[in-house]
């Protein structure tokens, strides 16, 4: 069991979209209370930091593809936007509230999301991008003192081992051999021009949102000190 100083705890930027989820009830929202979604995420943080147990979703194929295809997505983005070589950042950054590792720092702050398939890629628009990732990108800009950043979605081929697993699972469905063959196309996108397989959205730094973020993270630190098994 680890003793943690929650008063100075640093939150990962990737967790900010969840932590900044607002309560459903208007009165709780106006009172600045934490949402139940936020509290659930904080309990998971508390358990991980206190007892060294991290909750893994071993069935999350979306995250698995994203991790395995980081370099493929980076190369696709580089080829489409012709920005020169975009090196994958490995530096872990931290300030008094947040920490994280943005994908690309130079020449511009970029974070890249790898889409699972053509349908998840197609439904992304600016509204969804900012709804899902505004707080994460804001955290990265805060860490680096940047005024602007970019979020880029990339559609790249699914790794063979994931593809084979998915196709194997389809054998238990009531589909014909012809449909099974057709399904293979759902994991490879080389026939689609590269320029149609990236989407880019611009984010701007907002100081007033930083103040809102600080208030929520201060409340989150206070809540972490109250949690018990």
C-alpha atoms as a PDB file:
ATOM      1  CA  UNK A   1       0.000   0.000   0.000  1.00  0.00           C
ATOM      2  CA  UNK A   2       1.501   3.291  -1.135  1.00  0.00           C
ATOM      3  CA  UNK A   3       1.063   6.638   0.624  1.00  0.00           C
ATOM      4  CA  UNK A   4       0.262   9.325  -1.938  1.00  0.00           C
ATOM      5  CA  UNK A   5       0.284  13.097  -1.508  1.00  0.00           C
ATOM      6  CA  UNK A   6      -2.981  13.849  -3.255  1.00  0.00           C
ATOM      7  CA  UNK A   7      -2.536  17.599  -2.770  1.00  0.00           C
ATOM      8  CA  UNK A   8       0.141  17.586  -5.471  1.00  0.00           C
ATOM      9  CA  UNK A   9      -1.120  14.711  -7.620  1.00  0.00           C
ATOM     10  CA  UNK A  10      -0.636  15.199 -11.379  1.00  0.00           C
ATOM     11  CA  UNK A  11      -3.408  14.015 -13.720  1.00  0.00           C
ATOM     12  CA  UNK A  12      -2.645  12.526 -17.136  1.00  0.00           C
ATOM     13  CA  UNK A  13      -3.940  14.692 -19.969  1.00  0.00           C
ATOM     14  CA  UNK A  14      -5.556  11.614 -21.530  1.00  0.00           C
ATOM     15  CA  UNK A  15      -7.813  11.354 -18.451  1.00  0.00           C
ATOM     16  CA  UNK A  16      -9.017  14.964 -18.617  1.00  0.00           C
ATOM     17  CA  UNK A  17     -11.981  14.408 -20.998  1.00  0.00           C
ATOM     18  CA  UNK A  18     -13.444  11.945 -18.481  1.00  0.00           C
ATOM     19  CA  UNK A  19     -12.571  13.979 -15.398  1.00  0.00           C
ATOM     20  CA  UNK A  20     -14.182  17.080 -16.919  1.00  0.00           C
ATOM     21  CA  UNK A  21     -17.505  15.335 -17.536  1.00  0.00           C
ATOM     22  CA  UNK A  22     -20.272  17.526 -16.122  1.00  0.00           C
ATOM     23  CA  UNK A  23     -23.002  16.274 -13.738  1.00  0.00           C
ATOM     24  CA  UNK A  24     -26.362  15.591 -15.365  1.00  0.00           C
ATOM     25  CA  UNK A  25     -28.282  17.497 -12.710  1.00  0.00           C
ATOM     26  CA  UNK A  26     -28.378  21.255 -13.294  1.00  0.00           C
ATOM     27  CA  UNK A  27     -28.121  22.068  -9.568  1.00  0.00           C
ATOM     28  CA  UNK A  28     -24.985  19.938  -9.125  1.00  0.00           C
ATOM     29  CA  UNK A  29     -23.453  21.436 -12.234  1.00  0.00           C
ATOM     30  CA  UNK A  30     -24.079  24.976 -11.027  1.00  0.00           C
ATOM     31  CA  UNK A  31     -22.672  24.067  -7.611  1.00  0.00           C
ATOM     32  CA  UNK A  32     -19.450  22.836  -9.203  1.00  0.00           C
ATOM     33  CA  UNK A  33     -19.850  19.270  -7.939  1.00  0.00           C
ATOM     34  CA  UNK A  34     -18.005  16.364  -9.522  1.00  0.00           C
ATOM     35  CA  UNK A  35     -20.011  14.081 -11.772  1.00  0.00           C
ATOM     36  CA  UNK A  36     -20.459  10.389 -11.019  1.00  0.00           C
ATOM     37  CA  UNK A  37     -18.395   9.620 -14.124  1.00  0.00           C
ATOM     38  CA  UNK A  38     -15.551  11.714 -12.703  1.00  0.00           C
ATOM     39  CA  UNK A  39     -15.812  10.034  -9.305  1.00  0.00           C
ATOM     40  CA  UNK A  40     -15.643   6.580 -10.903  1.00  0.00           C
ATOM     41  CA  UNK A  41     -12.475   7.568 -12.783  1.00  0.00           C
ATOM     42  CA  UNK A  42     -10.973   8.995  -9.588  1.00  0.00           C
ATOM     43  CA  UNK A  43     -11.634   5.763  -7.681  1.00  0.00           C
ATOM     44  CA  UNK A  44      -9.717   3.879 -10.370  1.00  0.00           C
ATOM     45  CA  UNK A  45      -6.832   6.351 -10.046  1.00  0.00           C
ATOM     46  CA  UNK A  46      -6.897   5.955  -6.266  1.00  0.00           C
ATOM     47  CA  UNK A  47      -6.738   2.151  -6.453  1.00  0.00           C
ATOM     48  CA  UNK A  48      -3.917   2.226  -9.001  1.00  0.00           C
ATOM     49  CA  UNK A  49      -1.794   4.685  -7.043  1.00  0.00           C
ATOM     50  CA  UNK A  50      -2.539   3.207  -3.611  1.00  0.00           C
ATOM     51  CA  UNK A  51      -2.448  -0.515  -4.329  1.00  0.00           C
ATOM     52  CA  UNK A  52      -0.649  -0.754  -7.671  1.00  0.00           C
ATOM     53  CA  UNK A  53      -3.667  -2.303  -9.413  1.00  0.00           C
ATOM     54  CA  UNK A  54      -4.453  -0.837 -12.827  1.00  0.00           C
ATOM     55  CA  UNK A  55      -7.736  -1.706 -14.500  1.00  0.00           C
ATOM     56  CA  UNK A  56      -7.046  -3.045 -17.991  1.00  0.00           C
ATOM     57  CA  UNK A  57      -9.715  -3.586 -20.625  1.00  0.00           C
ATOM     58  CA  UNK A  58      -8.202  -6.578 -22.429  1.00  0.00           C
ATOM     59  CA  UNK A  59     -11.102  -6.608 -24.892  1.00  0.00           C
ATOM     60  CA  UNK A  60     -10.503  -3.063 -26.126  1.00  0.00           C
ATOM     61  CA  UNK A  61      -9.409  -3.705 -29.709  1.00  0.00           C
ATOM     62  CA  UNK A  62      -9.681   0.007 -30.496  1.00  0.00           C
ATOM     63  CA  UNK A  63      -6.962   0.932 -28.002  1.00  0.00           C
ATOM     64  CA  UNK A  64      -4.841  -2.020 -29.084  1.00  0.00           C
ATOM     65  CA  UNK A  65      -4.867  -0.925 -32.711  1.00  0.00           C
ATOM     66  CA  UNK A  66      -4.130   2.657 -31.712  1.00  0.00           C
ATOM     67  CA  UNK A  67      -1.028   1.629 -29.787  1.00  0.00           C
ATOM     68  CA  UNK A  68       0.263  -0.765 -32.440  1.00  0.00           C
ATOM     69  CA  UNK A  69      -0.318   1.634 -35.329  1.00  0.00           C
ATOM     70  CA  UNK A  70       1.194   4.826 -33.912  1.00  0.00           C
ATOM     71  CA  UNK A  71       4.065   4.820 -36.392  1.00  0.00           C
ATOM     72  CA  UNK A  72       1.846   3.915 -39.358  1.00  0.00           C
ATOM     73  CA  UNK A  73      -0.487   6.790 -38.552  1.00  0.00           C
ATOM     74  CA  UNK A  74       2.430   9.180 -38.096  1.00  0.00           C
ATOM     75  CA  UNK A  75       3.851   8.208 -41.492  1.00  0.00           C
ATOM     76  CA  UNK A  76       0.450   8.635 -43.159  1.00  0.00           C
ATOM     77  CA  UNK A  77       0.024  12.108 -41.671  1.00  0.00           C
ATOM     78  CA  UNK A  78       3.547  13.067 -42.751  1.00  0.00           C
ATOM     79  CA  UNK A  79       2.929  11.898 -46.329  1.00  0.00           C
ATOM     80  CA  UNK A  80      -0.354  13.803 -46.649  1.00  0.00           C
ATOM     81  CA  UNK A  81       0.506  17.132 -45.043  1.00  0.00           C
ATOM     82  CA  UNK A  82       4.118  17.304 -46.291  1.00  0.00           C
ATOM     83  CA  UNK A  83       5.333  18.902 -43.070  1.00  0.00           C
ATOM     84  CA  UNK A  84       8.689  17.217 -43.195  1.00  0.00           C
ATOM     85  CA  UNK A  85       9.623  14.479 -40.786  1.00  0.00           C
ATOM     86  CA  UNK A  86       7.277  14.375 -37.793  1.00  0.00           C
ATOM     87  CA  UNK A  87       9.205  12.655 -35.027  1.00  0.00           C
ATOM     88  CA  UNK A  88       7.270  10.780 -32.355  1.00  0.00           C
ATOM     89  CA  UNK A  89       7.731  12.572 -29.070  1.00  0.00           C
ATOM     90  CA  UNK A  90       8.898  10.437 -26.140  1.00  0.00           C
ATOM     91  CA  UNK A  91       9.309  13.184 -23.543  1.00  0.00           C
ATOM     92  CA  UNK A  92       7.058  12.971 -20.505  1.00  0.00           C
ATOM     93  CA  UNK A  93       5.947  16.496 -19.588  1.00  0.00           C
ATOM     94  CA  UNK A  94       4.589  17.733 -16.281  1.00  0.00           C
ATOM     95  CA  UNK A  95       3.393  20.910 -14.563  1.00  0.00           C
ATOM     96  CA  UNK A  96       1.688  21.529 -11.204  1.00  0.00           C
ATOM     97  CA  UNK A  97      -1.557  19.862 -12.300  1.00  0.00           C
ATOM     98  CA  UNK A  98      -1.171  17.669 -15.354  1.00  0.00           C
ATOM     99  CA  UNK A  99       1.289  15.432 -17.174  1.00  0.00           C
ATOM    100  CA  UNK A 100       1.474  13.605 -20.480  1.00  0.00           C
ATOM    101  CA  UNK A 101       3.279  12.727 -23.685  1.00  0.00           C
ATOM    102  CA  UNK A 102       1.890  14.512 -26.767  1.00  0.00           C
ATOM    103  CA  UNK A 103       2.538  12.687 -30.040  1.00  0.00           C
ATOM    104  CA  UNK A 104       4.409  15.437 -31.917  1.00  0.00           C
ATOM    105  CA  UNK A 105       5.976  18.615 -30.540  1.00  0.00           C
ATOM    106  CA  UNK A 106       7.726  20.106 -33.569  1.00  0.00           C
ATOM    107  CA  UNK A 107       7.115  22.021 -35.746  1.00  0.00           C
ATOM    108  CA  UNK A 108       3.642  22.141 -34.221  1.00  0.00           C
ATOM    109  CA  UNK A 109       1.881  20.388 -31.350  1.00  0.00           C
ATOM    110  CA  UNK A 110      -0.039  17.452 -32.831  1.00  0.00           C
ATOM    111  CA  UNK A 111      -1.919  14.545 -31.309  1.00  0.00           C
ATOM    112  CA  UNK A 112      -2.914  11.667 -33.588  1.00  0.00           C
ATOM    113  CA  UNK A 113      -5.849   9.291 -33.159  1.00  0.00           C
ATOM    114  CA  UNK A 114      -5.933   6.035 -35.124  1.00  0.00           C
ATOM    115  CA  UNK A 115      -9.455   5.129 -36.235  1.00  0.00           C
ATOM    116  CA  UNK A 116     -10.614   1.536 -35.819  1.00  0.00           C
ATOM    117  CA  UNK A 117     -12.334   1.232 -39.207  1.00  0.00           C
ATOM    118  CA  UNK A 118     -13.806   3.246 -42.062  1.00  0.00           C
ATOM    119  CA  UNK A 119     -17.116   3.718 -40.229  1.00  0.00           C
ATOM    120  CA  UNK A 120     -15.592   5.182 -37.056  1.00  0.00           C
ATOM    121  CA  UNK A 121     -13.389   7.396 -39.228  1.00  0.00           C
ATOM    122  CA  UNK A 122     -16.330   8.568 -41.352  1.00  0.00           C
ATOM    123  CA  UNK A 123     -18.453   9.690 -38.395  1.00  0.00           C
ATOM    124  CA  UNK A 124     -15.758  12.003 -37.013  1.00  0.00           C
ATOM    125  CA  UNK A 125     -16.378  15.701 -37.573  1.00  0.00           C
ATOM    126  CA  UNK A 126     -15.138  18.858 -35.876  1.00  0.00           C
ATOM    127  CA  UNK A 127     -17.913  18.822 -33.279  1.00  0.00           C
ATOM    128  CA  UNK A 128     -17.157  15.246 -32.231  1.00  0.00           C
ATOM    129  CA  UNK A 129     -13.390  15.801 -32.260  1.00  0.00           C
ATOM    130  CA  UNK A 130     -13.660  18.761 -29.917  1.00  0.00           C
ATOM    131  CA  UNK A 131     -16.268  17.106 -27.731  1.00  0.00           C
ATOM    132  CA  UNK A 132     -14.051  14.047 -27.253  1.00  0.00           C
ATOM    133  CA  UNK A 133     -10.587  15.589 -27.014  1.00  0.00           C
ATOM    134  CA  UNK A 134     -10.730  19.322 -26.243  1.00  0.00           C
ATOM    135  CA  UNK A 135      -9.567  18.897 -22.648  1.00  0.00           C
ATOM    136  CA  UNK A 136      -6.723  16.550 -23.574  1.00  0.00           C
ATOM    137  CA  UNK A 137      -5.378  18.964 -26.208  1.00  0.00           C
ATOM    138  CA  UNK A 138      -5.834  21.894 -23.827  1.00  0.00           C
ATOM    139  CA  UNK A 139      -3.741  20.029 -21.265  1.00  0.00           C
ATOM    140  CA  UNK A 140      -0.972  19.452 -23.787  1.00  0.00           C
ATOM    141  CA  UNK A 141      -0.984  23.127 -24.826  1.00  0.00           C
ATOM    142  CA  UNK A 142      -0.813  24.105 -21.155  1.00  0.00           C
ATOM    143  CA  UNK A 143       2.187  21.844 -20.595  1.00  0.00           C
ATOM    144  CA  UNK A 144       4.055  23.330 -23.531  1.00  0.00           C
ATOM    145  CA  UNK A 145       2.887  26.931 -23.385  1.00  0.00           C
ATOM    146  CA  UNK A 146       1.449  26.644 -26.898  1.00  0.00           C
ATOM    147  CA  UNK A 147      -1.449  28.718 -28.210  1.00  0.00           C
ATOM    148  CA  UNK A 148      -2.521  26.284 -30.910  1.00  0.00           C
ATOM    149  CA  UNK A 149      -2.515  22.553 -31.564  1.00  0.00           C
ATOM    150  CA  UNK A 150      -3.902  20.064 -34.044  1.00  0.00           C
ATOM    151  CA  UNK A 151      -5.809  16.817 -33.631  1.00  0.00           C
ATOM    152  CA  UNK A 152      -5.472  14.443 -36.569  1.00  0.00           C
ATOM    153  CA  UNK A 153      -7.431  11.250 -37.196  1.00  0.00           C
ATOM    154  CA  UNK A 154      -5.764   8.610 -39.366  1.00  0.00           C
ATOM    155  CA  UNK A 155      -7.218   5.527 -41.051  1.00  0.00           C
ATOM    156  CA  UNK A 156      -4.516   2.871 -41.482  1.00  0.00           C
ATOM    157  CA  UNK A 157      -4.487  -0.886 -41.992  1.00  0.00           C
ATOM    158  CA  UNK A 158      -5.293  -3.121 -39.035  1.00  0.00           C
ATOM    159  CA  UNK A 159      -2.354  -5.265 -37.823  1.00  0.00           C
ATOM    160  CA  UNK A 160      -2.498  -8.847 -39.082  1.00  0.00           C
ATOM    161  CA  UNK A 161      -2.895 -10.484 -35.666  1.00  0.00           C
ATOM    162  CA  UNK A 162      -5.904  -8.292 -34.794  1.00  0.00           C
ATOM    163  CA  UNK A 163      -7.358  -8.809 -38.278  1.00  0.00           C
ATOM    164  CA  UNK A 164      -7.041 -12.603 -38.029  1.00  0.00           C
ATOM    165  CA  UNK A 165      -8.656 -12.596 -34.601  1.00  0.00           C
ATOM    166  CA  UNK A 166     -11.583 -10.544 -35.887  1.00  0.00           C
ATOM    167  CA  UNK A 167     -12.038 -12.755 -38.954  1.00  0.00           C
ATOM    168  CA  UNK A 168     -11.898 -15.858 -36.774  1.00  0.00           C
ATOM    169  CA  UNK A 169     -14.635 -14.448 -34.550  1.00  0.00           C
ATOM    170  CA  UNK A 170     -16.784 -13.959 -37.642  1.00  0.00           C
ATOM    171  CA  UNK A 171     -16.730 -17.714 -38.291  1.00  0.00           C
ATOM    172  CA  UNK A 172     -19.116 -18.056 -35.342  1.00  0.00           C
ATOM    173  CA  UNK A 173     -21.602 -15.697 -36.990  1.00  0.00           C
ATOM    174  CA  UNK A 174     -24.250 -16.750 -39.452  1.00  0.00           C
ATOM    175  CA  UNK A 175     -22.511 -15.421 -42.573  1.00  0.00           C
ATOM    176  CA  UNK A 176     -21.726 -17.004 -45.908  1.00  0.00           C
ATOM    177  CA  UNK A 177     -18.193 -17.797 -47.165  1.00  0.00           C
ATOM    178  CA  UNK A 178     -18.599 -14.973 -49.682  1.00  0.00           C
ATOM    179  CA  UNK A 179     -19.400 -12.538 -46.885  1.00  0.00           C
ATOM    180  CA  UNK A 180     -16.401 -13.803 -44.933  1.00  0.00           C
ATOM    181  CA  UNK A 181     -14.133 -12.968 -47.865  1.00  0.00           C
ATOM    182  CA  UNK A 182     -15.742  -9.551 -48.293  1.00  0.00           C
ATOM    183  CA  UNK A 183     -15.197  -8.833 -44.591  1.00  0.00           C
ATOM    184  CA  UNK A 184     -11.431  -8.887 -45.091  1.00  0.00           C
ATOM    185  CA  UNK A 185     -11.673  -5.548 -46.878  1.00  0.00           C
ATOM    186  CA  UNK A 186     -12.812  -3.970 -43.608  1.00  0.00           C
ATOM    187  CA  UNK A 187      -9.266  -4.175 -42.224  1.00  0.00           C
ATOM    188  CA  UNK A 188      -7.199  -2.880 -45.151  1.00  0.00           C
ATOM    189  CA  UNK A 189      -7.497   0.590 -46.684  1.00  0.00           C
ATOM    190  CA  UNK A 190      -4.668   0.806 -49.208  1.00  0.00           C
ATOM    191  CA  UNK A 191      -7.210   1.197 -52.039  1.00  0.00           C
ATOM    192  CA  UNK A 192      -8.350   4.534 -50.578  1.00  0.00           C
ATOM    193  CA  UNK A 193      -6.147   7.547 -51.477  1.00  0.00           C
ATOM    194  CA  UNK A 194      -4.033   8.708 -48.533  1.00  0.00           C
ATOM    195  CA  UNK A 195      -5.513  12.218 -48.608  1.00  0.00           C
ATOM    196  CA  UNK A 196      -8.952  10.758 -47.859  1.00  0.00           C
ATOM    197  CA  UNK A 197      -7.670   8.852 -44.825  1.00  0.00           C
ATOM    198  CA  UNK A 198      -6.728  11.797 -42.612  1.00  0.00           C
ATOM    199  CA  UNK A 199      -8.810  14.483 -40.919  1.00  0.00           C
ATOM    200  CA  UNK A 200      -7.310  17.479 -39.133  1.00  0.00           C
ATOM    201  CA  UNK A 201      -8.928  19.805 -36.589  1.00  0.00           C
ATOM    202  CA  UNK A 202      -7.447  22.933 -35.003  1.00  0.00           C
ATOM    203  CA  UNK A 203      -7.577  23.679 -31.279  1.00  0.00           C
ATOM    204  CA  UNK A 204      -6.900  27.009 -29.569  1.00  0.00           C
ATOM    205  CA  UNK A 205      -5.640  27.628 -26.037  1.00  0.00           C
ATOM    206  CA  UNK A 206      -8.308  29.133 -23.759  1.00  0.00           C
ATOM    207  CA  UNK A 207      -7.121  30.548 -20.434  1.00  0.00           C
ATOM    208  CA  UNK A 208     -10.636  30.690 -18.974  1.00  0.00           C
ATOM    209  CA  UNK A 209     -10.916  26.941 -19.569  1.00  0.00           C
ATOM    210  CA  UNK A 210      -7.637  26.446 -17.698  1.00  0.00           C
ATOM    211  CA  UNK A 211      -9.209  28.110 -14.670  1.00  0.00           C
ATOM    212  CA  UNK A 212     -12.189  25.753 -14.969  1.00  0.00           C
ATOM    213  CA  UNK A 213      -9.806  22.820 -15.298  1.00  0.00           C
ATOM    214  CA  UNK A 214      -7.878  23.872 -12.190  1.00  0.00           C
ATOM    215  CA  UNK A 215     -11.087  24.099 -10.141  1.00  0.00           C
ATOM    216  CA  UNK A 216     -12.131  20.596 -11.167  1.00  0.00           C
ATOM    217  CA  UNK A 217      -8.682  19.121 -10.557  1.00  0.00           C
ATOM    218  CA  UNK A 218      -8.501  20.786  -7.128  1.00  0.00           C
ATOM    219  CA  UNK A 219     -11.888  19.244  -6.313  1.00  0.00           C
ATOM    220  CA  UNK A 220     -10.637  15.918  -7.668  1.00  0.00           C
ATOM    221  CA  UNK A 221      -7.587  16.026  -5.405  1.00  0.00           C
ATOM    222  CA  UNK A 222      -9.853  16.718  -2.444  1.00  0.00           C
ATOM    223  CA  UNK A 223     -12.119  13.814  -3.412  1.00  0.00           C
ATOM    224  CA  UNK A 224      -9.158  11.445  -3.752  1.00  0.00           C
ATOM    225  CA  UNK A 225      -8.324  12.085  -0.094  1.00  0.00           C
ATOM    226  CA  UNK A 226     -11.777  10.836   0.966  1.00  0.00           C
ATOM    227  CA  UNK A 227     -11.801   7.508  -0.892  1.00  0.00           C
ATOM    228  CA  UNK A 228     -11.608   4.226   1.028  1.00  0.00           C
ATOM    229  CA  UNK A 229     -12.017   0.573   0.065  1.00  0.00           C
END
